Amino acid sequence: MIDFHSHIIPCVDDGSSSVEESVQMLRLSYQDGVRKIVATPHFYAQEDTPERFLARRDAAWERLAPRLSEDMPEIYLGAEVYYYDGISNTECLSQLCVGQSSLLLLEMPFRKWSERMIAEAIDIVRGRGFTVLLAHIDRYFTFQDPDVWDLLSENGVLFQVNAAAFLDGWLSRRRALRLLREGKIAALGSDCHNMTSRKPNLGRAYAEIEKRAGQDVLRQIDEKSGRLLAGMYSTAHV
């Protein structure tokens, strides 16, 4: 099981508040069945530069790394990059990708997207050659026209869905399951932030998916997410 979206790095964003909480989150993730996890702290270009962000993230990683153990998932370092006007022309995007790959986890605004926003997301893929994974698309369902998912998918933009989509409400679950059955979901994530209100929960989502869609759908998402992660830089190789 691969968790493509988490906030487990301590004291970088609104996620884990300490090394100890990060350790607890990682152990719970492992108990939940997660064997690989992508650490994706928030990056906001309006508030930070890539250099400052990466310095803070890497310093926090250095504090966490000595506490890692075999009962925790393998960790991949990345970022959750919030959309901003002109992002497709930013030269330093590669610094914010997962490890040394070209995979960019992109968080879109929480409102109806303009044609320009959609075009920029597509241009990062088609014009710049990045692999764009849209973060938690389940949180945008109520804002977007249904055909936007086809448009993005046809242009190579990939989708990540949060575990909560399968656990918190029938409408969100129905939409997420439909996209999953149609093969349009490339990865799942817990989007875990802490050990209280937003704990690791990917295992619960897997159980719900198996119950409602069957093991074949789970195998397909495991194969897709595995291919997506293949070749990326893992902290286990440091």
C-alpha atoms as a PDB file:
ATOM      1  CA  MET A   1       0.000   0.000   0.000  1.00  0.00           C
ATOM      2  CA  ILE A   2       1.402   3.412  -1.049  1.00  0.00           C
ATOM      3  CA  ASP A   3       0.329   6.676   0.563  1.00  0.00           C
ATOM      4  CA  PHE A   4       0.957   9.450  -1.969  1.00  0.00           C
ATOM      5  CA  HIS A   5      -0.103  12.373   0.206  1.00  0.00           C
ATOM      6  CA  SER A   6       0.930  13.002   3.818  1.00  0.00           C
ATOM      7  CA  HIS A   7       2.088  15.719   6.179  1.00  0.00           C
ATOM      8  CA  ILE A   8       4.396  13.656   8.362  1.00  0.00           C
ATOM      9  CA  ILE A   9       7.480  15.889   8.338  1.00  0.00           C
ATOM     10  CA  PRO A  10       7.550  17.719  11.692  1.00  0.00           C
ATOM     11  CA  CYS A  11       7.106  21.462  12.135  1.00  0.00           C
ATOM     12  CA  VAL A  12       7.161  22.426   8.448  1.00  0.00           C
ATOM     13  CA  ASP A  13       3.483  23.195   7.826  1.00  0.00           C
ATOM     14  CA  ASP A  14       0.134  22.508   9.499  1.00  0.00           C
ATOM     15  CA  GLY A  15       0.941  18.807   9.710  1.00  0.00           C
ATOM     16  CA  SER A  16       2.930  16.987  12.381  1.00  0.00           C
ATOM     17  CA  SER A  17       3.813  19.283  15.252  1.00  0.00           C
ATOM     18  CA  SER A  18       6.819  17.324  16.543  1.00  0.00           C
ATOM     19  CA  VAL A  19       9.228  14.505  15.789  1.00  0.00           C
ATOM     20  CA  GLU A  20       7.351  12.346  18.283  1.00  0.00           C
ATOM     21  CA  GLU A  21       4.046  12.907  16.514  1.00  0.00           C
ATOM     22  CA  SER A  22       5.686  12.079  13.182  1.00  0.00           C
ATOM     23  CA  VAL A  23       6.961   8.815  14.653  1.00  0.00           C
ATOM     24  CA  GLN A  24       3.473   7.954  15.910  1.00  0.00           C
ATOM     25  CA  MET A  25       1.927   8.769  12.526  1.00  0.00           C
ATOM     26  CA  LEU A  26       4.465   6.638  10.690  1.00  0.00           C
ATOM     27  CA  ARG A  27       3.952   3.680  12.995  1.00  0.00           C
ATOM     28  CA  LEU A  28       0.178   3.939  12.654  1.00  0.00           C
ATOM     29  CA  SER A  29       0.530   4.134   8.866  1.00  0.00           C
ATOM     30  CA  TYR A  30       2.615   0.978   8.880  1.00  0.00           C
ATOM     31  CA  GLN A  31       0.083  -0.810  11.091  1.00  0.00           C
ATOM     32  CA  ASP A  32      -2.559   0.339   8.601  1.00  0.00           C
ATOM     33  CA  GLY A  33      -0.723  -1.519   5.823  1.00  0.00           C
ATOM     34  CA  VAL A  34       1.235   1.353   4.264  1.00  0.00           C
ATOM     35  CA  ARG A  35       4.705   0.338   3.140  1.00  0.00           C
ATOM     36  CA  LYS A  36       5.692   3.442   1.187  1.00  0.00           C
ATOM     37  CA  ILE A  37       4.688   7.016   1.932  1.00  0.00           C
ATOM     38  CA  VAL A  38       5.303  10.318   0.147  1.00  0.00           C
ATOM     39  CA  ALA A  39       5.916  13.242   2.502  1.00  0.00           C
ATOM     40  CA  THR A  40       4.263  16.285   0.934  1.00  0.00           C
ATOM     41  CA  PRO A  41       4.415  19.414   3.123  1.00  0.00           C
ATOM     42  CA  HIS A  42       2.595  22.458   1.768  1.00  0.00           C
ATOM     43  CA  PHE A  43       4.458  24.899  -0.464  1.00  0.00           C
ATOM     44  CA  TYR A  44       2.874  28.322  -1.067  1.00  0.00           C
ATOM     45  CA  ALA A  45       4.768  30.496  -3.534  1.00  0.00           C
ATOM     46  CA  GLN A  46       3.050  33.593  -2.146  1.00  0.00           C
ATOM     47  CA  GLU A  47       4.638  32.977   1.252  1.00  0.00           C
ATOM     48  CA  ASP A  48       7.932  31.241   0.560  1.00  0.00           C
ATOM     49  CA  THR A  49      10.685  30.579  -1.951  1.00  0.00           C
ATOM     50  CA  PRO A  50      11.610  27.049  -3.017  1.00  0.00           C
ATOM     51  CA  GLU A  51      15.038  27.500  -1.451  1.00  0.00           C
ATOM     52  CA  ARG A  52      13.708  28.481   1.982  1.00  0.00           C
ATOM     53  CA  PHE A  53      11.019  25.819   1.866  1.00  0.00           C
ATOM     54  CA  LEU A  54      13.434  23.043   0.944  1.00  0.00           C
ATOM     55  CA  ALA A  55      15.908  24.170   3.612  1.00  0.00           C
ATOM     56  CA  ARG A  56      13.180  23.938   6.272  1.00  0.00           C
ATOM     57  CA  ARG A  57      11.885  20.621   4.977  1.00  0.00           C
ATOM     58  CA  ASP A  58      15.328  19.050   4.781  1.00  0.00           C
ATOM     59  CA  ALA A  59      16.305  20.301   8.235  1.00  0.00           C
ATOM     60  CA  ALA A  60      13.120  18.781   9.641  1.00  0.00           C
ATOM     61  CA  TRP A  61      13.877  15.553   7.811  1.00  0.00           C
ATOM     62  CA  GLU A  62      17.314  15.432   9.413  1.00  0.00           C
ATOM     63  CA  ARG A  63      15.677  15.637  12.836  1.00  0.00           C
ATOM     64  CA  LEU A  64      13.227  12.846  11.985  1.00  0.00           C
ATOM     65  CA  ALA A  65      15.568  10.448  10.177  1.00  0.00           C
ATOM     66  CA  PRO A  66      17.418   9.144  13.278  1.00  0.00           C
ATOM     67  CA  ARG A  67      14.076   8.054  14.772  1.00  0.00           C
ATOM     68  CA  LEU A  68      13.027   5.892  11.830  1.00  0.00           C
ATOM     69  CA  SER A  69      12.743   2.132  12.283  1.00  0.00           C
ATOM     70  CA  GLU A  70      11.656  -1.006  10.475  1.00  0.00           C
ATOM     71  CA  ASP A  71       8.065  -0.676  11.687  1.00  0.00           C
ATOM     72  CA  MET A  72       7.591   2.453   9.561  1.00  0.00           C
ATOM     73  CA  PRO A  73       6.984   2.941   5.829  1.00  0.00           C
ATOM     74  CA  GLU A  74       9.744   3.845   3.402  1.00  0.00           C
ATOM     75  CA  ILE A  75       9.645   7.634   2.935  1.00  0.00           C
ATOM     76  CA  TYR A  76       9.860   9.699  -0.267  1.00  0.00           C
ATOM     77  CA  LEU A  77      10.339  13.463   0.067  1.00  0.00           C
ATOM     78  CA  GLY A  78       8.188  15.823  -1.971  1.00  0.00           C
ATOM     79  CA  ALA A  79       5.838  18.773  -1.620  1.00  0.00           C
ATOM     80  CA  GLU A  80       2.212  19.724  -2.098  1.00  0.00           C
ATOM     81  CA  VAL A  81       2.511  22.765  -4.360  1.00  0.00           C
ATOM     82  CA  TYR A  82      -0.386  25.201  -4.317  1.00  0.00           C
ATOM     83  CA  TYR A  83      -1.364  26.612  -7.702  1.00  0.00           C
ATOM     84  CA  TYR A  84      -0.454  30.209  -8.497  1.00  0.00           C
ATOM     85  CA  ASP A  85      -0.800  32.301 -11.624  1.00  0.00           C
ATOM     86  CA  GLY A  86       2.168  31.643 -13.883  1.00  0.00           C
ATOM     87  CA  ILE A  87       3.156  28.342 -12.276  1.00  0.00           C
ATOM     88  CA  SER A  88       3.584  26.678 -15.667  1.00  0.00           C
ATOM     89  CA  ASN A  89       6.410  29.112 -16.489  1.00  0.00           C
ATOM     90  CA  THR A  90       8.294  28.701 -13.213  1.00  0.00           C
ATOM     91  CA  GLU A  91      11.828  27.474 -13.835  1.00  0.00           C
ATOM     92  CA  CYS A  92      12.361  25.930 -10.392  1.00  0.00           C
ATOM     93  CA  LEU A  93       9.396  23.521 -10.435  1.00  0.00           C
ATOM     94  CA  SER A  94      11.704  20.520 -10.612  1.00  0.00           C
ATOM     95  CA  GLN A  95      13.015  21.364  -7.120  1.00  0.00           C
ATOM     96  CA  LEU A  96       9.530  20.734  -5.722  1.00  0.00           C
ATOM     97  CA  CYS A  97       8.975  17.340  -7.320  1.00  0.00           C
ATOM     98  CA  VAL A  98       9.029  14.049  -5.443  1.00  0.00           C
ATOM     99  CA  GLY A  99      12.640  13.061  -4.913  1.00  0.00           C
ATOM    100  CA  GLN A 100      14.586  13.352  -8.146  1.00  0.00           C
ATOM    101  CA  SER A 101      11.576  12.548 -10.313  1.00  0.00           C
ATOM    102  CA  SER A 102       9.390  14.785 -12.471  1.00  0.00           C
ATOM    103  CA  LEU A 103       6.270  14.098 -10.378  1.00  0.00           C
ATOM    104  CA  LEU A 104       4.633  17.275  -9.048  1.00  0.00           C
ATOM    105  CA  LEU A 105       1.783  17.037  -6.536  1.00  0.00           C
ATOM    106  CA  LEU A 106      -0.353  20.066  -7.422  1.00  0.00           C
ATOM    107  CA  GLU A 107      -3.037  21.513  -5.166  1.00  0.00           C
ATOM    108  CA  MET A 108      -5.637  23.576  -7.008  1.00  0.00           C
ATOM    109  CA  PRO A 109      -7.737  26.453  -5.598  1.00  0.00           C
ATOM    110  CA  PHE A 110     -10.917  25.578  -3.715  1.00  0.00           C
ATOM    111  CA  ARG A 111     -13.279  27.222  -6.175  1.00  0.00           C
ATOM    112  CA  LYS A 112     -14.398  26.727  -9.750  1.00  0.00           C
ATOM    113  CA  TRP A 113     -11.283  26.690 -11.897  1.00  0.00           C
ATOM    114  CA  SER A 114     -10.920  29.170 -14.724  1.00  0.00           C
ATOM    115  CA  GLU A 115      -9.898  28.138 -18.220  1.00  0.00           C
ATOM    116  CA  ARG A 116      -6.481  29.643 -17.482  1.00  0.00           C
ATOM    117  CA  MET A 117      -5.983  27.474 -14.372  1.00  0.00           C
ATOM    118  CA  ILE A 118      -6.886  24.333 -16.281  1.00  0.00           C
ATOM    119  CA  ALA A 119      -4.670  25.337 -19.199  1.00  0.00           C
ATOM    120  CA  GLU A 120      -1.706  25.923 -16.875  1.00  0.00           C
ATOM    121  CA  ALA A 121      -2.090  22.512 -15.240  1.00  0.00           C
ATOM    122  CA  ILE A 122      -2.128  20.935 -18.697  1.00  0.00           C
ATOM    123  CA  ASP A 123       0.832  23.013 -19.885  1.00  0.00           C
ATOM    124  CA  ILE A 124       2.991  21.769 -16.999  1.00  0.00           C
ATOM    125  CA  VAL A 125       2.492  18.306 -18.509  1.00  0.00           C
ATOM    126  CA  ARG A 126       2.410  18.944 -22.241  1.00  0.00           C
ATOM    127  CA  GLY A 127       4.688  21.970 -22.409  1.00  0.00           C
ATOM    128  CA  ARG A 128       7.137  21.273 -19.597  1.00  0.00           C
ATOM    129  CA  GLY A 129       7.213  17.472 -19.514  1.00  0.00           C
ATOM    130  CA  PHE A 130       6.326  17.066 -15.836  1.00  0.00           C
ATOM    131  CA  THR A 131       4.057  14.397 -14.416  1.00  0.00           C
ATOM    132  CA  VAL A 132       1.279  16.313 -12.666  1.00  0.00           C
ATOM    133  CA  LEU A 133      -0.694  14.569  -9.936  1.00  0.00           C
ATOM    134  CA  LEU A 134      -3.651  16.675  -8.806  1.00  0.00           C
ATOM    135  CA  ALA A 135      -3.997  16.454  -5.038  1.00  0.00           C
ATOM    136  CA  HIS A 136      -7.248  15.301  -3.383  1.00  0.00           C
ATOM    137  CA  ILE A 137      -9.553  15.852  -6.357  1.00  0.00           C
ATOM    138  CA  ASP A 138     -12.435  14.613  -4.195  1.00  0.00           C
ATOM    139  CA  ARG A 139     -12.348  17.961  -2.401  1.00  0.00           C
ATOM    140  CA  TYR A 140     -13.091  19.766  -5.682  1.00  0.00           C
ATOM    141  CA  PHE A 141     -16.071  17.715  -6.894  1.00  0.00           C
ATOM    142  CA  THR A 142     -18.674  20.275  -5.845  1.00  0.00           C
ATOM    143  CA  PHE A 143     -16.829  23.170  -7.533  1.00  0.00           C
ATOM    144  CA  GLN A 144     -16.105  21.760 -10.990  1.00  0.00           C
ATOM    145  CA  ASP A 145     -18.082  20.798 -14.069  1.00  0.00           C
ATOM    146  CA  PRO A 146     -18.061  16.991 -14.519  1.00  0.00           C
ATOM    147  CA  ASP A 147     -16.350  17.180 -17.908  1.00  0.00           C
ATOM    148  CA  VAL A 148     -13.257  18.880 -16.448  1.00  0.00           C
ATOM    149  CA  TRP A 149     -11.949  15.495 -15.283  1.00  0.00           C
ATOM    150  CA  ASP A 150     -12.119  14.089 -18.810  1.00  0.00           C
ATOM    151  CA  LEU A 151     -10.369  17.162 -20.227  1.00  0.00           C
ATOM    152  CA  LEU A 152      -7.524  16.953 -17.719  1.00  0.00           C
ATOM    153  CA  SER A 153      -7.196  13.191 -18.005  1.00  0.00           C
ATOM    154  CA  GLU A 154      -7.097  13.309 -21.809  1.00  0.00           C
ATOM    155  CA  ASN A 155      -4.193  15.743 -21.541  1.00  0.00           C
ATOM    156  CA  GLY A 156      -2.111  13.597 -19.223  1.00  0.00           C
ATOM    157  CA  VAL A 157      -2.966  15.098 -15.831  1.00  0.00           C
ATOM    158  CA  LEU A 158      -3.199  12.396 -13.151  1.00  0.00           C
ATOM    159  CA  PHE A 159      -5.512  12.312 -10.143  1.00  0.00           C
ATOM    160  CA  GLN A 160      -4.989  11.550  -6.460  1.00  0.00           C
ATOM    161  CA  VAL A 161      -7.959  10.890  -4.164  1.00  0.00           C
ATOM    162  CA  ASN A 162      -7.954  11.109  -0.375  1.00  0.00           C
ATOM    163  CA  ALA A 163      -8.974   8.202   1.815  1.00  0.00           C
ATOM    164  CA  ALA A 164     -11.672  10.415   3.333  1.00  0.00           C
ATOM    165  CA  ALA A 165     -13.540  10.382   0.021  1.00  0.00           C
ATOM    166  CA  PHE A 166     -14.441   6.742   0.628  1.00  0.00           C
ATOM    167  CA  LEU A 167     -15.241   7.221   4.312  1.00  0.00           C
ATOM    168  CA  ASP A 168     -17.081  10.535   4.745  1.00  0.00           C
ATOM    169  CA  GLY A 169     -20.413  10.617   2.918  1.00  0.00           C
ATOM    170  CA  TRP A 170     -22.153   8.634   0.209  1.00  0.00           C
ATOM    171  CA  LEU A 171     -21.989  11.288  -2.534  1.00  0.00           C
ATOM    172  CA  SER A 172     -18.230  11.767  -2.313  1.00  0.00           C
ATOM    173  CA  ARG A 173     -17.776   7.994  -2.105  1.00  0.00           C
ATOM    174  CA  ARG A 174     -19.956   7.398  -5.163  1.00  0.00           C
ATOM    175  CA  ARG A 175     -18.020   9.910  -7.276  1.00  0.00           C
ATOM    176  CA  ALA A 176     -14.639   8.607  -6.138  1.00  0.00           C
ATOM    177  CA  LEU A 177     -15.610   4.985  -6.737  1.00  0.00           C
ATOM    178  CA  ARG A 178     -16.879   5.827 -10.217  1.00  0.00           C
ATOM    179  CA  LEU A 179     -13.571   7.436 -11.176  1.00  0.00           C
ATOM    180  CA  LEU A 180     -11.696   4.548  -9.592  1.00  0.00           C
ATOM    181  CA  ARG A 181     -13.686   1.954 -11.554  1.00  0.00           C
ATOM    182  CA  GLU A 182     -13.134   3.956 -14.742  1.00  0.00           C
ATOM    183  CA  GLY A 183      -9.373   3.771 -14.157  1.00  0.00           C
ATOM    184  CA  LYS A 184      -8.962   7.548 -13.803  1.00  0.00           C
ATOM    185  CA  ILE A 185      -7.372   7.521 -10.350  1.00  0.00           C
ATOM    186  CA  ALA A 186      -3.590   7.124 -10.326  1.00  0.00           C
ATOM    187  CA  ALA A 187      -2.940   7.235  -6.581  1.00  0.00           C
ATOM    188  CA  LEU A 188      -4.534   7.363  -3.145  1.00  0.00           C
ATOM    189  CA  GLY A 189      -3.419   9.252  -0.071  1.00  0.00           C
ATOM    190  CA  SER A 190      -4.325   9.695   3.556  1.00  0.00           C
ATOM    191  CA  ASP A 191      -3.519  13.430   3.630  1.00  0.00           C
ATOM    192  CA  CYS A 192      -2.793  12.752   7.306  1.00  0.00           C
ATOM    193  CA  HIS A 193      -1.783  15.774   9.377  1.00  0.00           C
ATOM    194  CA  ASN A 194      -1.709  14.647  12.999  1.00  0.00           C
ATOM    195  CA  MET A 195      -2.695  11.985  15.530  1.00  0.00           C
ATOM    196  CA  THR A 196      -6.003  13.608  16.488  1.00  0.00           C
ATOM    197  CA  SER A 197      -8.374  15.000  13.874  1.00  0.00           C
ATOM    198  CA  ARG A 198      -6.539  13.802  10.737  1.00  0.00           C
ATOM    199  CA  LYS A 199      -4.841  10.521  11.543  1.00  0.00           C
ATOM    200  CA  PRO A 200      -3.504   8.052   8.959  1.00  0.00           C
ATOM    201  CA  ASN A 201      -6.536   6.229   7.523  1.00  0.00           C
ATOM    202  CA  LEU A 202      -5.588   4.648   4.220  1.00  0.00           C
ATOM    203  CA  GLY A 203      -6.202   1.127   5.490  1.00  0.00           C
ATOM    204  CA  ARG A 204      -9.824   1.963   6.296  1.00  0.00           C
ATOM    205  CA  ALA A 205     -10.298   3.348   2.802  1.00  0.00           C
ATOM    206  CA  TYR A 206      -8.833   0.188   1.268  1.00  0.00           C
ATOM    207  CA  ALA A 207     -11.306  -1.910   3.239  1.00  0.00           C
ATOM    208  CA  GLU A 208     -14.203   0.262   2.024  1.00  0.00           C
ATOM    209  CA  ILE A 209     -13.033   0.091  -1.591  1.00  0.00           C
ATOM    210  CA  GLU A 210     -12.702  -3.693  -1.406  1.00  0.00           C
ATOM    211  CA  LYS A 211     -16.201  -3.947   0.065  1.00  0.00           C
ATOM    212  CA  ARG A 212     -17.823  -1.779  -2.608  1.00  0.00           C
ATOM    213  CA  ALA A 213     -15.659  -2.310  -5.692  1.00  0.00           C
ATOM    214  CA  GLY A 214     -13.789  -5.578  -5.171  1.00  0.00           C
ATOM    215  CA  GLN A 215     -10.182  -6.729  -4.983  1.00  0.00           C
ATOM    216  CA  ASP A 216      -9.550  -6.254  -8.710  1.00  0.00           C
ATOM    217  CA  VAL A 217     -10.002  -2.490  -8.379  1.00  0.00           C
ATOM    218  CA  LEU A 218      -7.587  -2.462  -5.445  1.00  0.00           C
ATOM    219  CA  ARG A 219      -5.016  -4.430  -7.411  1.00  0.00           C
ATOM    220  CA  GLN A 220      -5.333  -1.983 -10.293  1.00  0.00           C
ATOM    221  CA  ILE A 221      -4.723   1.062  -8.090  1.00  0.00           C
ATOM    222  CA  ASP A 222      -1.777  -0.689  -6.420  1.00  0.00           C
ATOM    223  CA  GLU A 223      -0.266  -1.426  -9.823  1.00  0.00           C
ATOM    224  CA  LYS A 224      -0.798   2.152 -11.038  1.00  0.00           C
ATOM    225  CA  SER A 225       0.607   3.801  -7.937  1.00  0.00           C
ATOM    226  CA  GLY A 226       3.525   1.367  -7.939  1.00  0.00           C
ATOM    227  CA  ARG A 227       4.405   2.286 -11.518  1.00  0.00           C
ATOM    228  CA  LEU A 228       4.078   5.972 -10.651  1.00  0.00           C
ATOM    229  CA  LEU A 229       6.492   5.640  -7.746  1.00  0.00           C
ATOM    230  CA  ALA A 230       8.976   3.406  -9.547  1.00  0.00           C
ATOM    231  CA  GLY A 231      12.329   5.015 -10.126  1.00  0.00           C
ATOM    232  CA  MET A 232      11.832   7.828  -7.641  1.00  0.00           C
ATOM    233  CA  TYR A 233      14.432   8.746  -5.059  1.00  0.00           C
ATOM    234  CA  SER A 234      13.734   7.051  -1.719  1.00  0.00           C
ATOM    235  CA  THR A 235      15.125   8.142   1.618  1.00  0.00           C
ATOM    236  CA  ALA A 236      15.952   4.492   2.219  1.00  0.00           C
ATOM    237  CA  HIS A 237      18.817   4.940  -0.263  1.00  0.00           C
ATOM    238  CA  VAL A 238      20.477   7.796   1.613  1.00  0.00           C
END
